């Protein structure tokens, strides 16, 4: 993706300089599609707690990367889709 974004144009320069990050947890990949319809309070609070845990882990591992460099390879992420 970075290769397609040419710095020769203002928009291309923004894309070429973009830093990408991904906060990920195994739980999100394990949940089925029906989980999107689950509005039970216990499920929602579990998602909140898992998100906080994943964000804390991400910041511990990559906090110094923010504003400096990408911690996720967007090309690899796009290939996973």
Protein backbone atom coordinates (compact mmCIF):
# COMPACT_ATOMS: atom_id res chain seq x y z
CA UNK A 1 0.00 0.00 0.00
CA UNK A 2 2.83 2.35 0.86
CA UNK A 3 4.32 1.67 -2.58
CA UNK A 4 1.09 2.81 -4.27
CA UNK A 5 1.05 6.09 -2.34
CA UNK A 6 3.36 8.44 -4.18
CA UNK A 7 4.64 11.40 -2.18
CA UNK A 8 4.41 13.49 -5.38
CA UNK A 9 0.85 14.58 -4.50
CA UNK A 10 -0.39 16.03 -1.19
CA UNK A 11 -2.79 13.14 -0.60
CA UNK A 12 -0.19 10.59 -1.65
CA UNK A 13 2.30 12.11 0.77
CA UNK A 14 -0.20 11.72 3.61
CA UNK A 15 -0.74 8.05 2.73
CA UNK A 16 2.98 7.40 2.26
CA UNK A 17 3.72 8.82 5.71
CA UNK A 18 0.83 7.12 7.50
CA UNK A 19 1.72 4.99 10.50
CA UNK A 20 -0.51 2.00 11.15
CA UNK A 21 -1.11 0.11 14.36
CA UNK A 22 -3.35 -2.80 15.26
CA UNK A 23 -4.62 -3.76 18.67
CA UNK A 24 -5.56 -7.40 18.42
CA UNK A 25 -6.69 -10.13 20.76
CA UNK A 26 -7.21 -13.83 20.12
CA UNK A 27 -10.70 -13.52 21.55
CA UNK A 28 -11.82 -11.38 18.60
CA UNK A 29 -10.79 -14.05 16.11
CA UNK A 30 -12.46 -16.78 18.18
CA UNK A 31 -15.87 -15.08 18.39
CA UNK A 32 -18.44 -16.13 15.82
CA UNK A 33 -20.49 -13.81 13.64
CA UNK A 34 -23.49 -14.18 15.94
CA UNK A 35 -21.55 -12.44 18.72
CA UNK A 36 -22.28 -9.14 16.94
CA UNK A 37 -25.90 -9.58 17.98
CA UNK A 38 -25.14 -10.38 21.61
CA UNK A 39 -26.23 -7.45 23.77
CA UNK A 40 -26.04 -9.23 27.12
CA UNK A 41 -24.42 -7.06 29.77
CA UNK A 42 -21.96 -9.75 30.87
CA UNK A 43 -20.79 -10.19 27.27
CA UNK A 44 -20.41 -6.44 26.74
CA UNK A 45 -18.41 -5.99 29.94
CA UNK A 46 -16.22 -8.95 28.99
CA UNK A 47 -15.51 -7.25 25.63
CA UNK A 48 -14.69 -4.00 27.43
CA UNK A 49 -12.31 -5.73 29.81
CA UNK A 50 -10.64 -7.66 26.99
CA UNK A 51 -10.24 -4.44 25.01
CA UNK A 52 -8.62 -2.71 27.96
CA UNK A 53 -6.28 -5.66 28.50
CA UNK A 54 -5.32 -5.74 24.81
CA UNK A 55 -4.77 -1.96 24.74
CA UNK A 56 -2.53 -2.13 27.81
CA UNK A 57 -0.52 -4.96 26.25
CA UNK A 58 -0.24 -3.02 22.98
CA UNK A 59 0.98 0.11 24.75
CA UNK A 60 3.52 -1.90 26.75
CA UNK A 61 4.84 -3.47 23.54
CA UNK A 62 4.47 -0.58 21.07
CA UNK A 63 3.85 2.62 23.00
CA UNK A 64 7.17 4.05 21.84
CA UNK A 65 6.22 3.39 18.20
CA UNK A 66 3.23 5.74 18.26
CA UNK A 67 4.03 8.85 16.28
CA UNK A 68 7.36 7.37 15.18
CA UNK A 69 6.80 4.21 13.12
CA UNK A 70 4.17 1.64 12.22
CA UNK A 71 3.78 -1.37 14.46
CA UNK A 72 1.61 -3.18 11.90
CA UNK A 73 2.49 -4.05 8.32
CA UNK A 74 -0.57 -2.90 6.36
CA UNK A 75 0.42 -4.97 3.32
CA UNK A 76 0.41 -8.16 5.41
CA UNK A 77 -2.90 -7.19 7.03
CA UNK A 78 -4.51 -6.64 3.62
CA UNK A 79 -3.32 -10.06 2.45
CA UNK A 80 -5.05 -11.66 5.45
CA UNK A 81 -8.44 -10.35 4.29
